[in-house]
Full PDB file with SEQRES, HELIX, SHEET, SSBOND, CRYST1, ORIGX, SCALE, CONECT and MASTER records, all heavy atoms in Angstrom:
SEQRES   1 A   40  SER GLY GLY LEU GLY PHE THR ASP THR GLY ASN LYS SER          
SEQRES   2 A   40  VAL ILE GLY GLY LEU ALA ARG ASP PHE TYR HIS ARG ILE          
SEQRES   3 A   40  TYR MET HIS TYR GLN LYS PRO GLU ALA TRP VAL GLN GLN          
SEQRES   4 A   40  LYS                                                          
HELIX    1 AA1 LYS A   12  VAL A   14  5                                   3    
HELIX    2 AA2 GLY A   17  HIS A   29  1                                  13    
HELIX    3 AA3 PRO A   33  ALA A   35  5                                   3    
CRYST1    1.000    1.000    1.000  90.00  90.00  90.00 P 1           1          
ORIGX1      1.000000  0.000000  0.000000        0.00000                         
ORIGX2      0.000000  1.000000  0.000000        0.00000                         
ORIGX3      0.000000  0.000000  1.000000        0.00000                         
SCALE1      1.000000  0.000000  0.000000        0.00000                         
SCALE2      0.000000  1.000000  0.000000        0.00000                         
SCALE3      0.000000  0.000000  1.000000        0.00000                         
ATOM      1  N   SER A   1       0.827  -1.206   0.000  1.00  0.00           N  
ATOM      2  CA  SER A   1       0.000   0.000   0.000  1.00  0.00           C  
ATOM      3  C   SER A   1       0.858   1.252   0.000  1.00  0.00           C  
ATOM      4  O   SER A   1       0.331   2.368   0.029  1.00  0.00           O  
ATOM      5  CB  SER A   1      -0.920   0.017   1.227  1.00  0.00           C  
ATOM      6  OG  SER A   1      -0.159   0.026   2.424  1.00  0.00           O  
ATOM      7  N   GLY A   2       2.176   1.071  -0.047  1.00  0.00           N  
ATOM      8  CA  GLY A   2       3.104   2.182   0.043  1.00  0.00           C  
ATOM      9  C   GLY A   2       3.720   2.596  -1.268  1.00  0.00           C  
ATOM     10  O   GLY A   2       4.692   3.352  -1.279  1.00  0.00           O  
ATOM     11  N   GLY A   3       3.189   2.098  -2.395  1.00  0.00           N  
ATOM     12  CA  GLY A   3       3.679   2.527  -3.693  1.00  0.00           C  
ATOM     13  C   GLY A   3       4.062   1.424  -4.641  1.00  0.00           C  
ATOM     14  O   GLY A   3       4.150   1.644  -5.848  1.00  0.00           O  
ATOM     15  N   LEU A   4       4.327   0.211  -4.125  1.00  0.00           N  
ATOM     16  CA  LEU A   4       4.693  -0.884  -5.016  1.00  0.00           C  
ATOM     17  C   LEU A   4       3.412  -1.490  -5.586  1.00  0.00           C  
ATOM     18  O   LEU A   4       2.909  -2.497  -5.085  1.00  0.00           O  
ATOM     19  CB  LEU A   4       5.533  -1.949  -4.291  1.00  0.00           C  
ATOM     20  CG  LEU A   4       6.398  -2.841  -5.186  1.00  0.00           C  
ATOM     21  CD1 LEU A   4       7.456  -3.574  -4.359  1.00  0.00           C  
ATOM     22  CD2 LEU A   4       5.594  -3.850  -5.987  1.00  0.00           C  
ATOM     23  N   GLY A   5       2.922  -0.868  -6.639  1.00  0.00           N  
ATOM     24  CA  GLY A   5       1.698  -1.331  -7.280  1.00  0.00           C  
ATOM     25  C   GLY A   5       1.941  -2.088  -8.563  1.00  0.00           C  
ATOM     26  O   GLY A   5       1.033  -2.687  -9.125  1.00  0.00           O  
ATOM     27  N   PHE A   6       3.175  -2.067  -9.056  1.00  0.00           N  
ATOM     28  CA  PHE A   6       3.548  -2.822 -10.250  1.00  0.00           C  
ATOM     29  C   PHE A   6       4.196  -4.106  -9.748  1.00  0.00           C  
ATOM     30  O   PHE A   6       5.405  -4.251  -9.691  1.00  0.00           O  
ATOM     31  CB  PHE A   6       4.510  -2.000 -11.112  1.00  0.00           C  
ATOM     32  CG  PHE A   6       4.560  -2.403 -12.557  1.00  0.00           C  
ATOM     33  CD1 PHE A   6       3.615  -1.937 -13.453  1.00  0.00           C  
ATOM     34  CD2 PHE A   6       5.553  -3.236 -13.021  1.00  0.00           C  
ATOM     35  CE1 PHE A   6       3.667  -2.302 -14.796  1.00  0.00           C  
ATOM     36  CE2 PHE A   6       5.615  -3.606 -14.350  1.00  0.00           C  
ATOM     37  CZ  PHE A   6       4.673  -3.135 -15.247  1.00  0.00           C  
ATOM     38  N   THR A   7       3.348  -5.050  -9.338  1.00  0.00           N  
ATOM     39  CA  THR A   7       3.759  -6.173  -8.492  1.00  0.00           C  
ATOM     40  C   THR A   7       4.832  -7.047  -9.131  1.00  0.00           C  
ATOM     41  O   THR A   7       4.740  -7.423 -10.302  1.00  0.00           O  
ATOM     42  CB  THR A   7       2.543  -7.044  -8.150  1.00  0.00           C  
ATOM     43  OG1 THR A   7       1.511  -6.207  -7.631  1.00  0.00           O  
ATOM     44  CG2 THR A   7       2.897  -8.102  -7.133  1.00  0.00           C  
ATOM     45  N   ASP A   8       5.842  -7.380  -8.333  1.00  0.00           N  
ATOM     46  CA  ASP A   8       6.872  -8.339  -8.736  1.00  0.00           C  
ATOM     47  C   ASP A   8       6.326  -9.739  -8.484  1.00  0.00           C  
ATOM     48  O   ASP A   8       6.422 -10.266  -7.373  1.00  0.00           O  
ATOM     49  CB  ASP A   8       8.149  -8.114  -7.916  1.00  0.00           C  
ATOM     50  CG  ASP A   8       8.701  -6.710  -8.093  1.00  0.00           C  
ATOM     51  OD1 ASP A   8       8.815  -6.265  -9.246  1.00  0.00           O  
ATOM     52  OD2 ASP A   8       9.016  -6.055  -7.084  1.00  0.00           O  
ATOM     53  N   THR A   9       5.764 -10.336  -9.512  1.00  0.00           N  
ATOM     54  CA  THR A   9       5.021 -11.578  -9.311  1.00  0.00           C  
ATOM     55  C   THR A   9       5.809 -12.834  -9.624  1.00  0.00           C  
ATOM     56  O   THR A   9       5.643 -13.848  -8.974  1.00  0.00           O  
ATOM     57  CB  THR A   9       3.758 -11.588 -10.186  1.00  0.00           C  
ATOM     58  OG1 THR A   9       4.139 -11.345 -11.550  1.00  0.00           O  
ATOM     59  CG2 THR A   9       2.775 -10.523  -9.740  1.00  0.00           C  
ATOM     60  N   GLY A  10       6.670 -12.796 -10.649  1.00  0.00           N  
ATOM     61  CA  GLY A  10       7.216 -14.048 -11.124  1.00  0.00           C  
ATOM     62  C   GLY A  10       6.105 -14.854 -11.771  1.00  0.00           C  
ATOM     63  O   GLY A  10       5.302 -14.332 -12.548  1.00  0.00           O  
ATOM     64  N   ASN A  11       6.008 -16.125 -11.423  1.00  0.00           N  
ATOM     65  CA  ASN A  11       4.976 -17.000 -11.979  1.00  0.00           C  
ATOM     66  C   ASN A  11       3.709 -16.896 -11.121  1.00  0.00           C  
ATOM     67  O   ASN A  11       3.661 -17.370  -9.988  1.00  0.00           O  
ATOM     68  CB  ASN A  11       5.483 -18.445 -12.007  1.00  0.00           C  
ATOM     69  CG  ASN A  11       4.573 -19.350 -12.816  1.00  0.00           C  
ATOM     70  OD1 ASN A  11       3.359 -19.256 -12.734  1.00  0.00           O  
ATOM     71  ND2 ASN A  11       5.174 -20.232 -13.601  1.00  0.00           N  
ATOM     72  N   LYS A  12       2.685 -16.279 -11.679  1.00  0.00           N  
ATOM     73  CA  LYS A  12       1.470 -16.006 -10.906  1.00  0.00           C  
ATOM     74  C   LYS A  12       0.731 -17.272 -10.492  1.00  0.00           C  
ATOM     75  O   LYS A  12      -0.042 -17.252  -9.524  1.00  0.00           O  
ATOM     76  CB  LYS A  12       0.543 -15.101 -11.718  1.00  0.00           C  
ATOM     77  CG  LYS A  12       1.143 -13.738 -12.047  1.00  0.00           C  
ATOM     78  CD  LYS A  12       0.195 -12.937 -12.928  1.00  0.00           C  
ATOM     79  CE  LYS A  12       0.761 -11.564 -13.253  1.00  0.00           C  
ATOM     80  NZ  LYS A  12       1.970 -11.646 -14.115  1.00  0.00           N  
ATOM     81  N   SER A  13       0.961 -18.366 -11.198  1.00  0.00           N  
ATOM     82  CA  SER A  13       0.212 -19.588 -10.892  1.00  0.00           C  
ATOM     83  C   SER A  13       0.605 -20.202  -9.556  1.00  0.00           C  
ATOM     84  O   SER A  13      -0.110 -21.067  -9.044  1.00  0.00           O  
ATOM     85  CB  SER A  13       0.390 -20.619 -12.012  1.00  0.00           C  
ATOM     86  OG  SER A  13       1.731 -21.053 -12.084  1.00  0.00           O  
ATOM     87  N   VAL A  14       1.733 -19.776  -8.962  1.00  0.00           N  
ATOM     88  CA  VAL A  14       2.115 -20.318  -7.650  1.00  0.00           C  
ATOM     89  C   VAL A  14       1.717 -19.374  -6.518  1.00  0.00           C  
ATOM     90  O   VAL A  14       2.089 -19.590  -5.363  1.00  0.00           O  
ATOM     91  CB  VAL A  14       3.624 -20.643  -7.572  1.00  0.00           C  
ATOM     92  CG1 VAL A  14       3.984 -21.701  -8.600  1.00  0.00           C  
ATOM     93  CG2 VAL A  14       4.483 -19.398  -7.754  1.00  0.00           C  
ATOM     94  N   ILE A  15       0.966 -18.341  -6.834  1.00  0.00           N  
ATOM     95  CA  ILE A  15       0.444 -17.425  -5.817  1.00  0.00           C  
ATOM     96  C   ILE A  15      -0.973 -17.871  -5.481  1.00  0.00           C  
ATOM     97  O   ILE A  15      -1.888 -17.735  -6.288  1.00  0.00           O  
ATOM     98  CB  ILE A  15       0.454 -15.970  -6.317  1.00  0.00           C  
ATOM     99  CG1 ILE A  15       1.888 -15.551  -6.659  1.00  0.00           C  
ATOM    100  CG2 ILE A  15      -0.153 -15.034  -5.274  1.00  0.00           C  
ATOM    101  CD1 ILE A  15       1.996 -14.190  -7.324  1.00  0.00           C  
ATOM    102  N   GLY A  16      -1.140 -18.419  -4.303  1.00  0.00           N  
ATOM    103  CA  GLY A  16      -2.441 -18.962  -3.908  1.00  0.00           C  
ATOM    104  C   GLY A  16      -2.932 -18.367  -2.608  1.00  0.00           C  
ATOM    105  O   GLY A  16      -2.401 -17.377  -2.092  1.00  0.00           O  
ATOM    106  N   GLY A  17      -3.966 -18.990  -2.049  1.00  0.00           N  
ATOM    107  CA  GLY A  17      -4.465 -18.620  -0.734  1.00  0.00           C  
ATOM    108  C   GLY A  17      -4.898 -17.180  -0.627  1.00  0.00           C  
ATOM    109  O   GLY A  17      -5.486 -16.600  -1.551  1.00  0.00           O  
ATOM    110  N   LEU A  18      -4.607 -16.562   0.516  1.00  0.00           N  
ATOM    111  CA  LEU A  18      -5.020 -15.185   0.771  1.00  0.00           C  
ATOM    112  C   LEU A  18      -4.269 -14.199  -0.107  1.00  0.00           C  
ATOM    113  O   LEU A  18      -4.790 -13.104  -0.387  1.00  0.00           O  
ATOM    114  CB  LEU A  18      -4.811 -14.850   2.244  1.00  0.00           C  
ATOM    115  CG  LEU A  18      -5.764 -15.553   3.216  1.00  0.00           C  
ATOM    116  CD1 LEU A  18      -5.326 -15.313   4.657  1.00  0.00           C  
ATOM    117  CD2 LEU A  18      -7.203 -15.073   3.006  1.00  0.00           C  
ATOM    118  N   ALA A  19      -3.067 -14.544  -0.541  1.00  0.00           N  
ATOM    119  CA  ALA A  19      -2.349 -13.666  -1.463  1.00  0.00           C  
ATOM    120  C   ALA A  19      -3.136 -13.512  -2.755  1.00  0.00           C  
ATOM    121  O   ALA A  19      -3.370 -12.399  -3.238  1.00  0.00           O  
ATOM    122  CB  ALA A  19      -0.955 -14.211  -1.745  1.00  0.00           C  
ATOM    123  N   ARG A  20      -3.590 -14.617  -3.313  1.00  0.00           N  
ATOM    124  CA  ARG A  20      -4.394 -14.537  -4.535  1.00  0.00           C  
ATOM    125  C   ARG A  20      -5.710 -13.828  -4.263  1.00  0.00           C  
ATOM    126  O   ARG A  20      -6.211 -13.078  -5.119  1.00  0.00           O  
ATOM    127  CB  ARG A  20      -4.627 -15.940  -5.112  1.00  0.00           C  
ATOM    128  CG  ARG A  20      -5.489 -15.949  -6.374  1.00  0.00           C  
ATOM    129  CD  ARG A  20      -5.349 -17.249  -7.136  1.00  0.00           C  
ATOM    130  NE  ARG A  20      -4.052 -17.329  -7.802  1.00  0.00           N  
ATOM    131  CZ  ARG A  20      -3.822 -16.887  -9.044  1.00  0.00           C  
ATOM    132  NH1 ARG A  20      -4.788 -16.323  -9.740  1.00  0.00           N  
ATOM    133  NH2 ARG A  20      -2.634 -17.007  -9.582  1.00  0.00           N  
ATOM    134  N   ASP A  21      -6.271 -14.034  -3.087  1.00  0.00           N  
ATOM    135  CA  ASP A  21      -7.509 -13.343  -2.738  1.00  0.00           C  
ATOM    136  C   ASP A  21      -7.312 -11.831  -2.737  1.00  0.00           C  
ATOM    137  O   ASP A  21      -8.183 -11.075  -3.167  1.00  0.00           O  
ATOM    138  CB  ASP A  21      -7.997 -13.805  -1.368  1.00  0.00           C  
ATOM    139  CG  ASP A  21      -9.301 -13.141  -0.964  1.00  0.00           C  
ATOM    140  OD1 ASP A  21     -10.343 -13.492  -1.542  1.00  0.00           O  
ATOM    141  OD2 ASP A  21      -9.275 -12.251  -0.093  1.00  0.00           O  
ATOM    142  N   PHE A  22      -6.141 -11.375  -2.252  1.00  0.00           N  
ATOM    143  CA  PHE A  22      -5.848  -9.938  -2.262  1.00  0.00           C  
ATOM    144  C   PHE A  22      -5.894  -9.401  -3.686  1.00  0.00           C  
ATOM    145  O   PHE A  22      -6.531  -8.370  -3.954  1.00  0.00           O  
ATOM    146  CB  PHE A  22      -4.470  -9.675  -1.651  1.00  0.00           C  
ATOM    147  CG  PHE A  22      -3.991  -8.256  -1.819  1.00  0.00           C  
ATOM    148  CD1 PHE A  22      -4.405  -7.263  -0.953  1.00  0.00           C  
ATOM    149  CD2 PHE A  22      -3.132  -7.919  -2.863  1.00  0.00           C  
ATOM    150  CE1 PHE A  22      -3.977  -5.950  -1.113  1.00  0.00           C  
ATOM    151  CE2 PHE A  22      -2.697  -6.617  -3.032  1.00  0.00           C  
ATOM    152  CZ  PHE A  22      -3.121  -5.630  -2.153  1.00  0.00           C  
ATOM    153  N   TYR A  23      -5.242 -10.084  -4.622  1.00  0.00           N  
ATOM    154  CA  TYR A  23      -5.201  -9.604  -6.004  1.00  0.00           C  
ATOM    155  C   TYR A  23      -6.552  -9.778  -6.696  1.00  0.00           C  
ATOM    156  O   TYR A  23      -6.858  -9.050  -7.651  1.00  0.00           O  
ATOM    157  CB  TYR A  23      -4.066 -10.286  -6.760  1.00  0.00           C  
ATOM    158  CG  TYR A  23      -2.718  -9.930  -6.170  1.00  0.00           C  
ATOM    159  CD1 TYR A  23      -2.016 -10.831  -5.373  1.00  0.00           C  
ATOM    160  CD2 TYR A  23      -2.174  -8.660  -6.360  1.00  0.00           C  
ATOM    161  CE1 TYR A  23      -0.806 -10.480  -4.793  1.00  0.00           C  
ATOM    162  CE2 TYR A  23      -0.962  -8.301  -5.781  1.00  0.00           C  
ATOM    163  CZ  TYR A  23      -0.280  -9.212  -4.995  1.00  0.00           C  
ATOM    164  OH  TYR A  23       0.910  -8.856  -4.409  1.00  0.00           O  
ATOM    165  N   HIS A  24      -7.358 -10.720  -6.225  1.00  0.00           N  
ATOM    166  CA  HIS A  24      -8.742 -10.816  -6.710  1.00  0.00           C  
ATOM    167  C   HIS A  24      -9.553  -9.604  -6.248  1.00  0.00           C  
ATOM    168  O   HIS A  24     -10.333  -9.033  -7.019  1.00  0.00           O  
ATOM    169  CB  HIS A  24      -9.393 -12.106  -6.207  1.00  0.00           C  
ATOM    170  CG  HIS A  24     -10.872 -12.146  -6.403  1.00  0.00           C  
ATOM    171  ND1 HIS A  24     -11.454 -12.200  -7.656  1.00  0.00           N  
ATOM    172  CD2 HIS A  24     -11.899 -12.109  -5.503  1.00  0.00           C  
ATOM    173  CE1 HIS A  24     -12.776 -12.210  -7.520  1.00  0.00           C  
ATOM    174  NE2 HIS A  24     -13.066 -12.153  -6.235  1.00  0.00           N  
ATOM    175  N   ARG A  25      -9.354  -9.199  -5.016  1.00  0.00           N  
ATOM    176  CA  ARG A  25     -10.077  -8.030  -4.507  1.00  0.00           C  
ATOM    177  C   ARG A  25      -9.644  -6.756  -5.234  1.00  0.00           C  
ATOM    178  O   ARG A  25     -10.463  -5.857  -5.451  1.00  0.00           O  
ATOM    179  CB  ARG A  25      -9.863  -7.907  -2.995  1.00  0.00           C  
ATOM    180  CG  ARG A  25     -10.597  -8.990  -2.199  1.00  0.00           C  
ATOM    181  CD  ARG A  25     -10.220  -8.976  -0.725  1.00  0.00           C  
ATOM    182  NE  ARG A  25     -10.870 -10.044   0.008  1.00  0.00           N  
ATOM    183  CZ  ARG A  25     -11.752  -9.866   1.003  1.00  0.00           C  
ATOM    184  NH1 ARG A  25     -12.075  -8.636   1.389  1.00  0.00           N  
ATOM    185  NH2 ARG A  25     -12.290 -10.898   1.615  1.00  0.00           N  
ATOM    186  N   ILE A  26      -8.363  -6.683  -5.593  1.00  0.00           N  
ATOM    187  CA  ILE A  26      -7.903  -5.566  -6.424  1.00  0.00           C  
ATOM    188  C   ILE A  26      -8.638  -5.580  -7.764  1.00  0.00           C  
ATOM    189  O   ILE A  26      -9.105  -4.543  -8.263  1.00  0.00           O  
ATOM    190  CB  ILE A  26      -6.378  -5.653  -6.646  1.00  0.00           C  
ATOM    191  CG1 ILE A  26      -5.621  -5.375  -5.337  1.00  0.00           C  
ATOM    192  CG2 ILE A  26      -5.938  -4.701  -7.747  1.00  0.00           C  
ATOM    193  CD1 ILE A  26      -5.666  -3.933  -4.864  1.00  0.00           C  
ATOM    194  N   TYR A  27      -8.761  -6.756  -8.343  1.00  0.00           N  
ATOM    195  CA  TYR A  27      -9.492  -6.908  -9.616  1.00  0.00           C  
ATOM    196  C   TYR A  27     -10.931  -6.429  -9.466  1.00  0.00           C  
ATOM    197  O   TYR A  27     -11.441  -5.691 -10.325  1.00  0.00           O  
ATOM    198  CB  TYR A  27      -9.449  -8.384 -10.031  1.00  0.00           C  
ATOM    199  CG  TYR A  27     -10.336  -8.731 -11.213  1.00  0.00           C  
ATOM    200  CD1 TYR A  27      -9.873  -8.597 -12.513  1.00  0.00           C  
ATOM    201  CD2 TYR A  27     -11.632  -9.214 -11.018  1.00  0.00           C  
ATOM    202  CE1 TYR A  27     -10.674  -8.920 -13.601  1.00  0.00           C  
ATOM    203  CE2 TYR A  27     -12.442  -9.540 -12.086  1.00  0.00           C  
ATOM    204  CZ  TYR A  27     -11.962  -9.388 -13.375  1.00  0.00           C  
ATOM    205  OH  TYR A  27     -12.774  -9.712 -14.438  1.00  0.00           O  
ATOM    206  N   MET A  28     -11.573  -6.826  -8.395  1.00  0.00           N  
ATOM    207  CA  MET A  28     -12.961  -6.433  -8.188  1.00  0.00           C  
ATOM    208  C   MET A  28     -13.080  -4.918  -7.988  1.00  0.00           C  
ATOM    209  O   MET A  28     -14.060  -4.302  -8.440  1.00  0.00           O  
ATOM    210  CB  MET A  28     -13.544  -7.179  -6.984  1.00  0.00           C  
ATOM    211  CG  MET A  28     -13.651  -8.693  -7.183  1.00  0.00           C  
ATOM    212  SD  MET A  28     -14.605  -9.159  -8.653  1.00  0.00           S  
ATOM    213  CE  MET A  28     -16.239  -8.561  -8.175  1.00  0.00           C  
ATOM    214  N   HIS A  29     -12.102  -4.313  -7.348  1.00  0.00           N  
ATOM    215  CA  HIS A  29     -12.115  -2.853  -7.175  1.00  0.00           C  
ATOM    216  C   HIS A  29     -12.133  -2.156  -8.523  1.00  0.00           C  
ATOM    217  O   HIS A  29     -12.893  -1.192  -8.735  1.00  0.00           O  
ATOM    218  CB  HIS A  29     -10.888  -2.414  -6.371  1.00  0.00           C  
ATOM    219  CG  HIS A  29     -10.662  -0.934  -6.367  1.00  0.00           C  
ATOM    220  ND1 HIS A  29     -11.375  -0.072  -5.564  1.00  0.00           N  
ATOM    221  CD2 HIS A  29      -9.806  -0.151  -7.096  1.00  0.00           C  
ATOM    222  CE1 HIS A  29     -10.973   1.173  -5.786  1.00  0.00           C  
ATOM    223  NE2 HIS A  29     -10.023   1.151  -6.703  1.00  0.00           N  
ATOM    224  N   TYR A  30     -11.310  -2.643  -9.446  1.00  0.00           N  
ATOM    225  CA  TYR A  30     -11.205  -1.975 -10.743  1.00  0.00           C  
ATOM    226  C   TYR A  30     -12.294  -2.398 -11.728  1.00  0.00           C  
ATOM    227  O   TYR A  30     -12.298  -1.935 -12.872  1.00  0.00           O  
ATOM    228  CB  TYR A  30      -9.807  -2.182 -11.327  1.00  0.00           C  
ATOM    229  CG  TYR A  30      -8.773  -1.316 -10.639  1.00  0.00           C  
ATOM    230  CD1 TYR A  30      -7.859  -1.862  -9.730  1.00  0.00           C  
ATOM    231  CD2 TYR A  30      -8.736   0.056 -10.864  1.00  0.00           C  
ATOM    232  CE1 TYR A  30      -6.927  -1.063  -9.085  1.00  0.00           C  
ATOM    233  CE2 TYR A  30      -7.810   0.867 -10.220  1.00  0.00           C  
ATOM    234  CZ  TYR A  30      -6.912   0.304  -9.328  1.00  0.00           C  
ATOM    235  OH  TYR A  30      -5.995   1.105  -8.683  1.00  0.00           O  
ATOM    236  N   GLN A  31     -13.218  -3.248 -11.285  1.00  0.00           N  
ATOM    237  CA  GLN A  31     -14.421  -3.505 -12.077  1.00  0.00           C  
ATOM    238  C   GLN A  31     -15.459  -2.402 -11.876  1.00  0.00           C  
ATOM    239  O   GLN A  31     -16.409  -2.282 -12.656  1.00  0.00           O  
ATOM    240  CB  GLN A  31     -15.031  -4.861 -11.698  1.00  0.00           C  
ATOM    241  CG  GLN A  31     -14.142  -6.059 -11.984  1.00  0.00           C  
ATOM    242  CD  GLN A  31     -13.691  -6.119 -13.430  1.00  0.00           C  
ATOM    243  OE1 GLN A  31     -14.519  -6.161 -14.347  1.00  0.00           O  
ATOM    244  NE2 GLN A  31     -12.388  -6.090 -13.646  1.00  0.00           N  
ATOM    245  N   LYS A  32     -15.271  -1.601 -10.831  1.00  0.00           N  
ATOM    246  CA  LYS A  32     -16.227  -0.538 -10.518  1.00  0.00           C  
ATOM    247  C   LYS A  32     -15.911   0.708 -11.351  1.00  0.00           C  
ATOM    248  O   LYS A  32     -14.766   1.163 -11.387  1.00  0.00           O  
ATOM    249  CB  LYS A  32     -16.148  -0.191  -9.032  1.00  0.00           C  
ATOM    250  CG  LYS A  32     -16.419  -1.363  -8.100  1.00  0.00           C  
ATOM    251  CD  LYS A  32     -16.154  -0.973  -6.646  1.00  0.00           C  
ATOM    252  CE  LYS A  32     -16.324  -2.161  -5.708  1.00  0.00           C  
ATOM    253  NZ  LYS A  32     -15.985  -1.808  -4.302  1.00  0.00           N  
ATOM    254  N   PRO A  33     -16.902   1.281 -11.995  1.00  0.00           N  
ATOM    255  CA  PRO A  33     -16.657   2.491 -12.804  1.00  0.00           C  
ATOM    256  C   PRO A  33     -16.057   3.631 -11.990  1.00  0.00           C  
ATOM    257  O   PRO A  33     -15.223   4.391 -12.498  1.00  0.00           O  
ATOM    258  CB  PRO A  33     -18.059   2.852 -13.314  1.00  0.00           C  
ATOM    259  CG  PRO A  33     -18.828   1.570 -13.269  1.00  0.00           C  
ATOM    260  CD  PRO A  33     -18.295   0.811 -12.099  1.00  0.00           C  
ATOM    261  N   GLU A  34     -16.436   3.722 -10.708  1.00  0.00           N  
ATOM    262  CA  GLU A  34     -15.944   4.831  -9.891  1.00  0.00           C  
ATOM    263  C   GLU A  34     -14.452   4.708  -9.565  1.00  0.00           C  
ATOM    264  O   GLU A  34     -13.840   5.666  -9.054  1.00  0.00           O  
ATOM    265  CB  GLU A  34     -16.746   4.934  -8.594  1.00  0.00           C  
ATOM    266  CG  GLU A  34     -16.744   3.701  -7.718  1.00  0.00           C  
ATOM    267  CD  GLU A  34     -17.926   2.770  -7.989  1.00  0.00           C  
ATOM    268  OE1 GLU A  34     -18.420   2.756  -9.148  1.00  0.00           O  
ATOM    269  OE2 GLU A  34     -18.342   2.057  -7.055  1.00  0.00           O  
ATOM    270  N   ALA A  35     -13.858   3.539  -9.842  1.00  0.00           N  
ATOM    271  CA  ALA A  35     -12.418   3.385  -9.603  1.00  0.00           C  
ATOM    272  C   ALA A  35     -11.594   4.110 -10.662  1.00  0.00           C  
ATOM    273  O   ALA A  35     -10.422   4.402 -10.447  1.00  0.00           O  
ATOM    274  CB  ALA A  35     -12.041   1.909  -9.578  1.00  0.00           C  
ATOM    275  N   TRP A  36     -12.225   4.388 -11.800  1.00  0.00           N  
ATOM    276  CA  TRP A  36     -11.524   5.006 -12.924  1.00  0.00           C  
ATOM    277  C   TRP A  36     -11.860   6.493 -12.966  1.00  0.00           C  
ATOM    278  O   TRP A  36     -12.824   6.913 -13.588  1.00  0.00           O  
ATOM    279  CB  TRP A  36     -11.881   4.299 -14.219  1.00  0.00           C  
ATOM    280  CG  TRP A  36     -11.492   2.851 -14.169  1.00  0.00           C  
ATOM    281  CD1 TRP A  36     -12.258   1.797 -13.783  1.00  0.00           C  
ATOM    282  CD2 TRP A  36     -10.207   2.317 -14.465  1.00  0.00           C  
ATOM    283  NE1 TRP A  36     -11.547   0.623 -13.832  1.00  0.00           N  
ATOM    284  CE2 TRP A  36     -10.276   0.912 -14.256  1.00  0.00           C  
ATOM    285  CE3 TRP A  36      -8.997   2.869 -14.902  1.00  0.00           C  
ATOM    286  CZ2 TRP A  36      -9.178   0.072 -14.462  1.00  0.00           C  
ATOM    287  CZ3 TRP A  36      -7.912   2.030 -15.113  1.00  0.00           C  
ATOM    288  CH2 TRP A  36      -8.005   0.659 -14.888  1.00  0.00           C  
ATOM    289  N   VAL A  37     -11.047   7.270 -12.281  1.00  0.00           N  
ATOM    290  CA  VAL A  37     -11.322   8.699 -12.112  1.00  0.00           C  
ATOM    291  C   VAL A  37     -10.618   9.533 -13.175  1.00  0.00           C  
ATOM    292  O   VAL A  37     -11.231  10.364 -13.832  1.00  0.00           O  
ATOM    293  CB  VAL A  37     -10.885   9.169 -10.704  1.00  0.00           C  
ATOM    294  CG1 VAL A  37     -11.152  10.660 -10.522  1.00  0.00           C  
ATOM    295  CG2 VAL A  37     -11.606   8.361  -9.627  1.00  0.00           C  
ATOM    296  N   GLN A  38      -9.328   9.308 -13.350  1.00  0.00           N  
ATOM    297  CA  GLN A  38      -8.559  10.101 -14.307  1.00  0.00           C  
ATOM    298  C   GLN A  38      -8.347   9.387 -15.643  1.00  0.00           C  
ATOM    299  O   GLN A  38      -7.696   9.926 -16.535  1.00  0.00           O  
ATOM    300  CB  GLN A  38      -7.178  10.449 -13.724  1.00  0.00           C  
ATOM    301  CG  GLN A  38      -7.215  11.432 -12.563  1.00  0.00           C  
ATOM    302  CD  GLN A  38      -7.333  10.749 -11.218  1.00  0.00           C  
ATOM    303  OE1 GLN A  38      -7.024   9.570 -11.080  1.00  0.00           O  
ATOM    304  NE2 GLN A  38      -7.802  11.473 -10.213  1.00  0.00           N  
ATOM    305  N   GLN A  39      -8.899   8.214 -15.771  1.00  0.00           N  
ATOM    306  CA  GLN A  39      -8.649   7.411 -16.961  1.00  0.00           C  
ATOM    307  C   GLN A  39      -9.799   6.433 -17.161  1.00  0.00           C  
ATOM    308  O   GLN A  39     -10.367   5.926 -16.193  1.00  0.00           O  
ATOM    309  CB  GLN A  39      -7.331   6.642 -16.783  1.00  0.00           C  
ATOM    310  CG  GLN A  39      -6.838   5.866 -17.979  1.00  0.00           C  
ATOM    311  CD  GLN A  39      -5.501   5.206 -17.703  1.00  0.00           C  
ATOM    312  OE1 GLN A  39      -5.166   4.871 -16.562  1.00  0.00           O  
ATOM    313  NE2 GLN A  39      -4.693   5.032 -18.730  1.00  0.00           N  
ATOM    314  N   LYS A  40     -10.131   6.166 -18.416  1.00  0.00           N  
ATOM    315  CA  LYS A  40     -11.146   5.160 -18.694  1.00  0.00           C  
ATOM    316  C   LYS A  40     -10.511   3.775 -18.616  1.00  0.00           C  
ATOM    317  O   LYS A  40      -9.354   3.579 -18.982  1.00  0.00           O  
ATOM    318  CB  LYS A  40     -11.752   5.390 -20.078  1.00  0.00           C  
ATOM    319  CG  LYS A  40     -12.566   6.673 -20.188  1.00  0.00           C  
ATOM    320  CD  LYS A  40     -13.162   6.814 -21.578  1.00  0.00           C  
ATOM    321  CE  LYS A  40     -13.984   8.089 -21.681  1.00  0.00           C  
ATOM    322  NZ  LYS A  40     -14.561   8.264 -23.036  1.00  0.00           N  
TER     323      LYS A  40                                                      
MASTER        0    0    0    3    0    0    0    6  322    1    0    4          
END                                                                             
């Protein structure tokens, strides 16, 4: 939450559990139109 938003993932298929849930919640955030303020 401190600026590292361009995630260093490596192979995403080995990211599971709550870590994957975090990135799923990020995905759901950006499904909302109101998340896109300065850009479509």
